[in-house]
Structures are given as structure tokens and as C-alpha cells.
Amino acid sequence: MNHSVRINGVDICYEILGAEHQQTIVLIAGLGSQMIRWDDSFCQLLVKQNFRVIRLDNRDSGMSIFPTEKELNFNGNHQEFFSNIKAENIPYSLMDMAKDVIGLLDYLQIDKAHFTGRSMGGIIAQLLGSYFPERVLSLTIIMSTSLNPALPPSDPEVMAMMMKPSSDPTLNKEDYIEEKLLFAKRISGNLYEWDESLEIKMIEEELNRSKTKYGIIRQLLAMATYQYDREVLKKIEAPTLVIHGTQDLIFHFDCGKDIADAIPNAKFLLMEGMGHSVPKELYQLICNQITILISKISA
């Protein structure tokens, strides 16, 4: 069941699965993604391993509504728009998004938790580990980056697809879904089975839950203006697992390795054939790895 609470001026939507007395794992979604990308089967695997799972829509995605009176001066040209943006003009930062997570813990009266973040959610997890160490028991960072400018760039074809304005689903839903399908398949790697019908179902569910038009643009602004600082990683003391795929076209696996190299005693797990998505075939393995990480803390 979805719940909503006002945190830092934003209505944050979240869901809790599992028993209250169990250790808590907070799942943080990626850029423009909703909490349902941490799908029910993945969450239930964690619940079966005796965890309480909290998944949330980041501000400006899904049912977490970011109130803004300022319209974006956006004409559909992504590259031109982002090249002219300044940090002081962005609606919010990645740190603001990290503070939303802390605010949710405060509301739920949870002193400490384990955090698992994917893609942009992995950057938010890094900020949590660095700036809120007293709240963090462990970190699992999946297919993410430190945004170190020295790292390999994203695949140019994939970035062109990502930066191309989408069709308006209210005017042409079929074209919108087709565009999302092409992108999802392109970034998924080719080792594991890709289920088109399941992806269509996910896209349609996201459309039904979406309450914002420019949320992904504002989230991109937060990422585009983030200032890389290796000290953020070096200050992390929580036990950390970094998972990355060999076929990730958005963040090369060197991005994951860079995170693991910078965080003291972090473990790096390279997944053969995984792209910039988490295939169902790897759910159990990843949940087992999270459990192993946490069990070492509890021992």
C-alpha cells in the first residue's frame, strides 16, 4: 500500500513491505524511475530473507510531487537547455534528494537503515553514506557512478536516445511506449532474456502513476550540476557493496570500479552480461549478496 508524507516541502510517496521488527533496507530509484522499478518480486525476495523493505518515489517522479511555480524554459532541445544551466538556478540538488530520504526515516522513526541505490539512486546513496554516516548501516550501489569526469563517457548512441524528447503520451501513447521500449532494450545488455510484454506493462504502470511532466528534466539538472568530489567517497565508513554490469552503456563498469576503489574496504562485484538494468535472473544473486553484506555487520 502506498503512503504519502510531506517532507522538505515535497509530497514523498513510499511503500513498506515486511515486518516492522526486521532490519530496514531502503531502495532508492534512478533517474526518472519510479519505485516500482524495484519490482514486487525483488522486494519479496528481501522480505523472505527477513528484511523490512521501504521503497520510495524520489521527488519529482511517480507519485512524489515537487511543487514548483517556476516553469522550465524548455523548448525540447535537451543539449542546448543543459549547456546553458547554472547550479544556482536549479530547482533542487542531489543533496536535497538525499535529505528527503533522511526525512522519511525521521518520519518513520527509523534511527538507522541499510540503503540500496541504482543508477542516480546510487549517487544519492553515496551522499547518505558520506554526510549522514550515523544513519547508514550499509550501502549497496548498483550500476551507478561517482560522476568523476575522468571516467569513460556514456555510449553516444544511447545518450542521443536518452536526450531526444519523448512523444507526449497524452497525444500519442503508442509512439511514447515504442520509444521507451527501444531505449529499455538498448541498455539492457544481450545476455539475459528481455521480456517486452513485461516492459510494456511497467511503462503503462509508470504512466498511470506519473504526476509530473518535467520531473526527469529537473532530476537531470540535479545530476548535471553535481560537483564531483572524491572526498565524498573516501569519507564513507559503512560496509559497501558495488555491483555493475559488463554491458552497461550508460555508466561503463569502470564507473562502478571507481566507486569501489575510493570507498574504504568496499567490495566490487562485476556481473557478466548485465546492462543498465537488473535482469530477473540476477535478483536472487543480488539479494543474497546484500544479505551476506549485512550478515557480516550483524555477526
Protein backbone atom coordinates (compact mmCIF):
# COMPACT_ATOMS: atom_id res chain seq x y z
CA MET A 1 0.00 0.00 0.00
CA ASN A 2 1.30 3.43 -0.97
CA HIS A 3 1.62 6.16 1.64
CA SER A 4 2.46 9.83 1.26
CA VAL A 5 4.08 12.28 3.67
CA ARG A 6 5.17 15.90 3.33
CA ILE A 7 8.97 16.13 3.67
CA ASN A 8 11.03 19.23 2.93
CA GLY A 9 8.06 20.76 1.16
CA VAL A 10 7.64 17.71 -1.11
CA ASP A 11 4.97 15.00 -1.02
CA ILE A 12 7.03 11.80 -0.86
CA CYS A 13 5.29 8.56 -1.83
CA TYR A 14 6.59 5.36 -0.25
CA GLU A 15 5.67 1.77 0.50
CA ILE A 16 6.70 -0.56 3.32
CA LEU A 17 6.91 -4.34 2.97
CA GLY A 18 7.86 -6.81 5.67
CA ALA A 19 7.72 -6.89 9.45
CA GLU A 20 8.48 -3.78 11.49
CA HIS A 21 10.90 -5.55 13.83
CA GLN A 22 13.24 -6.62 10.99
CA GLN A 23 16.27 -4.64 9.81
CA THR A 24 15.29 -1.99 7.25
CA ILE A 25 16.53 -1.76 3.67
CA VAL A 26 15.67 1.43 1.78
CA LEU A 27 15.55 1.10 -2.02
CA ILE A 28 16.38 4.28 -3.96
CA ALA A 29 15.41 4.51 -7.64
CA GLY A 30 17.32 6.01 -10.54
CA LEU A 31 16.86 8.98 -12.84
CA GLY A 32 13.25 9.41 -13.85
CA SER A 33 12.46 5.98 -12.44
CA GLN A 34 9.71 5.16 -10.03
CA MET A 35 9.88 2.92 -7.00
CA ILE A 36 8.07 0.18 -8.91
CA ARG A 37 11.32 -0.40 -10.85
CA TRP A 38 12.26 -2.17 -7.62
CA ASP A 39 9.54 -4.61 -8.55
CA ASP A 40 7.47 -6.75 -6.22
CA SER A 41 9.40 -9.96 -6.86
CA PHE A 42 12.74 -8.32 -5.97
CA CYS A 43 11.27 -6.75 -2.83
CA GLN A 44 9.67 -10.03 -1.74
CA LEU A 45 13.00 -11.83 -2.03
CA LEU A 46 14.39 -9.38 0.51
CA VAL A 47 11.32 -9.77 2.72
CA LYS A 48 11.78 -13.56 2.65
CA GLN A 49 15.34 -13.00 3.85
CA ASN A 50 13.87 -11.27 6.91
CA PHE A 51 14.22 -7.63 5.96
CA ARG A 52 11.77 -4.77 6.18
CA VAL A 53 11.81 -3.07 2.77
CA ILE A 54 10.98 0.57 2.10
CA ARG A 55 10.82 1.77 -1.49
CA LEU A 56 10.05 5.36 -2.42
CA ASP A 57 9.47 7.60 -5.39
CA ASN A 58 12.21 10.23 -5.42
CA ARG A 59 10.93 13.79 -5.54
CA ASP A 60 9.59 14.64 -8.99
CA SER A 61 8.98 11.03 -10.01
CA GLY A 62 5.95 8.80 -9.81
CA MET A 63 3.62 9.98 -7.08
CA SER A 64 6.18 12.14 -5.24
CA ILE A 65 5.15 15.63 -6.29
CA PHE A 66 7.59 18.53 -6.34
CA PRO A 67 5.59 21.76 -6.15
CA THR A 68 7.01 24.47 -8.34
CA GLU A 69 5.59 27.75 -9.56
CA LYS A 70 8.52 28.25 -11.91
CA GLU A 71 8.05 26.69 -15.32
CA LEU A 72 11.09 25.39 -17.12
CA ASN A 73 12.12 27.43 -20.13
CA PHE A 74 12.44 24.27 -22.15
CA ASN A 75 11.90 24.15 -25.91
CA GLY A 76 12.61 20.46 -26.44
CA ASN A 77 16.31 20.87 -27.27
CA HIS A 78 17.94 18.99 -24.38
CA GLN A 79 21.57 19.72 -25.29
CA GLU A 80 21.01 23.45 -25.65
CA PHE A 81 18.99 23.56 -22.44
CA PHE A 82 21.58 21.78 -20.29
CA SER A 83 24.55 23.64 -21.75
CA ASN A 84 23.10 26.95 -20.50
CA ILE A 85 22.11 25.88 -16.99
CA LYS A 86 23.82 27.18 -13.84
CA ALA A 87 23.93 25.43 -10.47
CA GLU A 88 22.37 28.37 -8.63
CA ASN A 89 19.32 28.21 -10.89
CA ILE A 90 18.38 24.56 -10.44
CA PRO A 91 15.17 23.73 -8.55
CA TYR A 92 16.95 21.27 -6.24
CA SER A 93 20.12 19.22 -5.88
CA LEU A 94 21.01 15.58 -5.35
CA MET A 95 21.73 16.52 -1.73
CA ASP A 96 18.14 17.73 -1.41
CA MET A 97 17.03 14.30 -2.65
CA ALA A 98 19.28 12.61 -0.08
CA LYS A 99 17.73 14.77 2.63
CA ASP A 100 14.29 13.58 1.52
CA VAL A 101 15.37 10.02 2.33
CA ILE A 102 16.63 11.10 5.76
CA GLY A 103 13.39 12.98 6.32
CA LEU A 104 11.41 9.83 5.56
CA LEU A 105 13.48 7.89 8.11
CA ASP A 106 12.79 10.63 10.66
CA TYR A 107 9.07 10.47 9.97
CA LEU A 108 9.03 6.69 10.31
CA GLN A 109 11.20 6.92 13.46
CA ILE A 110 13.91 4.72 11.98
CA ASP A 111 17.29 5.50 13.50
CA LYS A 112 19.48 3.57 11.04
CA ALA A 113 18.96 1.61 7.84
CA HIS A 114 20.67 -0.21 5.00
CA PHE A 115 20.48 1.58 1.64
CA THR A 116 20.42 0.17 -1.88
CA GLY A 117 20.53 2.63 -4.77
CA ARG A 118 20.54 2.07 -8.51
CA SER A 119 21.98 4.49 -11.08
CA MET A 120 21.21 8.03 -9.81
CA GLY A 121 19.93 6.38 -6.64
CA GLY A 122 23.45 5.06 -6.16
CA ILE A 123 24.78 8.63 -6.13
CA ILE A 124 22.16 9.55 -3.55
CA ALA A 125 23.31 6.54 -1.52
CA GLN A 126 26.89 7.83 -1.69
CA LEU A 127 25.77 11.18 -0.29
CA LEU A 128 23.90 9.43 2.51
CA GLY A 129 26.94 7.38 3.43
CA SER A 130 29.23 10.40 3.40
CA TYR A 131 27.09 13.11 5.00
CA PHE A 132 24.77 11.06 7.22
CA PRO A 133 27.04 8.23 8.47
CA GLU A 134 25.15 7.92 11.75
CA ARG A 135 22.04 6.81 9.81
CA VAL A 136 23.74 4.34 7.47
CA LEU A 137 24.38 0.69 8.33
CA SER A 138 25.45 -0.41 4.84
CA LEU A 139 25.36 0.66 1.20
CA THR A 140 24.70 -1.36 -1.93
CA ILE A 141 25.36 0.69 -5.07
CA ILE A 142 24.14 -0.79 -8.35
CA MET A 143 25.05 0.39 -11.90
CA SER A 144 26.00 3.84 -10.67
CA THR A 145 28.80 6.39 -10.91
CA SER A 146 30.69 8.95 -8.89
CA LEU A 147 30.39 11.37 -11.84
CA ASN A 148 34.17 11.52 -11.93
CA PRO A 149 34.90 13.42 -15.18
CA ALA A 150 37.91 11.18 -15.84
CA LEU A 151 35.69 8.12 -16.29
CA PRO A 152 34.71 6.73 -19.73
CA PRO A 153 31.76 8.56 -21.29
CA SER A 154 28.37 7.03 -21.93
CA ASP A 155 27.69 5.37 -25.27
CA PRO A 156 26.91 8.27 -27.67
CA GLU A 157 24.06 6.45 -29.41
CA VAL A 158 22.39 5.69 -26.09
CA MET A 159 22.86 9.26 -24.90
CA ALA A 160 21.29 10.56 -28.12
CA MET A 161 18.29 8.31 -27.50
CA MET A 162 18.11 9.45 -23.89
CA MET A 163 18.34 13.16 -24.71
CA LYS A 164 15.80 13.06 -27.54
CA PRO A 165 12.47 14.49 -26.35
CA SER A 166 9.82 11.81 -25.90
CA SER A 167 6.46 11.83 -27.61
CA ASP A 168 3.64 13.20 -25.50
CA PRO A 169 1.84 10.10 -24.15
CA THR A 170 -1.42 12.06 -23.84
CA LEU A 171 -1.32 12.69 -27.60
CA ASN A 172 0.34 9.54 -28.92
CA LYS A 173 0.66 6.78 -26.34
CA GLU A 174 1.75 4.15 -28.87
CA ASP A 175 4.74 6.19 -30.05
CA TYR A 176 5.69 7.00 -26.45
CA ILE A 177 5.68 3.34 -25.45
CA GLU A 178 7.63 2.33 -28.56
CA GLU A 179 10.32 4.91 -27.80
CA LYS A 180 10.62 3.74 -24.21
CA LEU A 181 10.78 0.11 -25.35
CA LEU A 182 13.61 0.79 -27.81
CA PHE A 183 15.61 2.57 -25.13
CA ALA A 184 15.00 -0.07 -22.47
CA LYS A 185 16.05 -2.87 -24.79
CA ARG A 186 19.15 -0.99 -25.94
CA ILE A 187 20.51 -0.52 -22.41
CA SER A 188 19.60 -3.95 -21.06
CA GLY A 189 22.54 -5.98 -22.37
CA ASN A 190 22.11 -9.07 -24.52
CA LEU A 191 22.99 -11.97 -22.24
CA TYR A 192 19.71 -12.23 -20.36
CA GLU A 193 16.21 -12.63 -21.75
CA TRP A 194 14.41 -9.34 -22.31
CA ASP A 195 10.65 -9.52 -21.75
CA GLU A 196 8.95 -6.94 -23.97
CA SER A 197 5.45 -7.61 -22.59
CA LEU A 198 6.70 -7.10 -19.04
CA GLU A 199 8.39 -3.84 -20.02
CA ILE A 200 5.20 -2.58 -21.70
CA LYS A 201 3.29 -3.35 -18.51
CA MET A 202 5.88 -1.44 -16.47
CA ILE A 203 5.79 1.60 -18.79
CA GLU A 204 1.99 1.71 -18.64
CA GLU A 205 2.02 1.43 -14.85
CA GLU A 206 4.54 4.27 -14.65
CA LEU A 207 2.31 6.39 -16.88
CA ASN A 208 -0.66 5.75 -14.60
CA ARG A 209 1.38 6.73 -11.53
CA SER A 210 3.16 9.74 -13.02
CA LYS A 211 2.10 13.11 -11.61
CA THR A 212 4.71 15.36 -13.20
CA LYS A 213 5.65 16.42 -16.73
CA TYR A 214 9.16 17.83 -16.29
CA GLY A 215 10.34 15.78 -13.31
CA ILE A 216 13.03 13.92 -15.23
CA ILE A 217 14.38 17.23 -16.57
CA ARG A 218 14.68 18.68 -13.06
CA GLN A 219 16.37 15.47 -11.87
CA LEU A 220 18.78 15.69 -14.80
CA LEU A 221 19.58 19.24 -13.77
CA ALA A 222 20.47 17.99 -10.29
CA MET A 223 22.84 15.43 -11.80
CA ALA A 224 24.30 17.79 -14.41
CA THR A 225 25.26 20.37 -11.79
CA TYR A 226 26.62 17.91 -9.21
CA GLN A 227 30.25 18.71 -8.39
CA TYR A 228 32.39 15.57 -8.23
CA ASP A 229 34.36 15.30 -5.00
CA ARG A 230 36.36 12.15 -4.28
CA GLU A 231 36.37 13.04 -0.59
CA VAL A 232 32.65 12.25 -0.54
CA LEU A 233 33.53 8.63 -1.28
CA LYS A 234 36.64 8.45 0.87
CA LYS A 235 34.64 9.56 3.94
CA ILE A 236 32.20 6.65 3.69
CA GLU A 237 32.73 4.22 6.55
CA ALA A 238 29.71 1.96 6.12
CA PRO A 239 30.30 -1.51 4.63
CA THR A 240 29.70 -1.10 0.91
CA LEU A 241 28.93 -3.41 -1.99
CA VAL A 242 29.21 -2.05 -5.54
CA ILE A 243 27.53 -4.04 -8.33
CA HIS A 244 27.97 -3.27 -12.01
CA GLY A 245 27.39 -4.94 -15.37
CA THR A 246 29.93 -5.54 -18.11
CA GLN A 247 27.43 -4.33 -20.77
CA ASP A 248 26.32 -1.09 -19.12
CA LEU A 249 26.19 1.53 -21.90
CA ILE A 250 25.23 4.46 -19.68
CA PHE A 251 27.82 4.04 -16.94
CA HIS A 252 30.78 1.92 -18.03
CA PHE A 253 31.75 -0.67 -15.44
CA ASP A 254 34.84 1.41 -14.71
CA CYS A 255 32.39 3.81 -13.03
CA GLY A 256 31.46 1.13 -10.53
CA LYS A 257 35.06 0.13 -10.03
CA ASP A 258 35.96 3.78 -9.39
CA ILE A 259 33.37 3.97 -6.60
CA ALA A 260 34.64 0.76 -5.01
CA ASP A 261 38.26 1.89 -5.27
CA ALA A 262 37.50 5.15 -3.46
CA ILE A 263 35.33 3.82 -0.63
CA PRO A 264 37.46 2.15 2.06
CA ASN A 265 37.07 -1.65 2.07
CA ALA A 266 34.25 -1.65 -0.49
CA LYS A 267 33.59 -4.85 -2.42
CA PHE A 268 33.19 -4.70 -6.20
CA LEU A 269 31.05 -7.30 -7.95
CA LEU A 270 31.18 -7.31 -11.76
CA MET A 271 28.17 -9.02 -13.36
CA GLU A 272 28.88 -10.54 -16.76
CA GLY A 273 26.32 -9.50 -19.38
CA MET A 274 24.33 -7.14 -17.19
CA GLY A 275 23.48 -3.80 -18.79
CA HIS A 276 21.96 -0.70 -17.23
CA SER A 277 19.10 -2.66 -15.76
CA VAL A 278 18.74 -5.52 -13.32
CA PRO A 279 17.54 -8.72 -15.05
CA LYS A 280 15.24 -11.01 -13.09
CA GLU A 281 17.76 -13.82 -13.46
CA LEU A 282 20.07 -11.89 -11.12
CA TYR A 283 17.52 -10.93 -8.46
CA GLN A 284 18.29 -13.85 -6.18
CA LEU A 285 22.05 -13.48 -6.54
CA ILE A 286 21.92 -9.75 -5.76
CA CYS A 287 19.60 -10.26 -2.78
CA ASN A 288 21.94 -12.97 -1.50
CA GLN A 289 24.92 -10.61 -1.82
CA ILE A 290 23.05 -7.88 0.09
CA THR A 291 22.21 -10.41 2.80
CA ILE A 292 25.85 -11.54 3.04
CA LEU A 293 26.99 -7.91 3.37
CA ILE A 294 24.51 -7.25 6.16
CA SER A 295 25.14 -10.53 7.95
CA LYS A 296 28.83 -9.65 8.32
CA ILE A 297 27.83 -6.45 10.10
CA SER A 298 25.45 -8.26 12.42
CA ALA A 299 27.89 -11.06 13.25
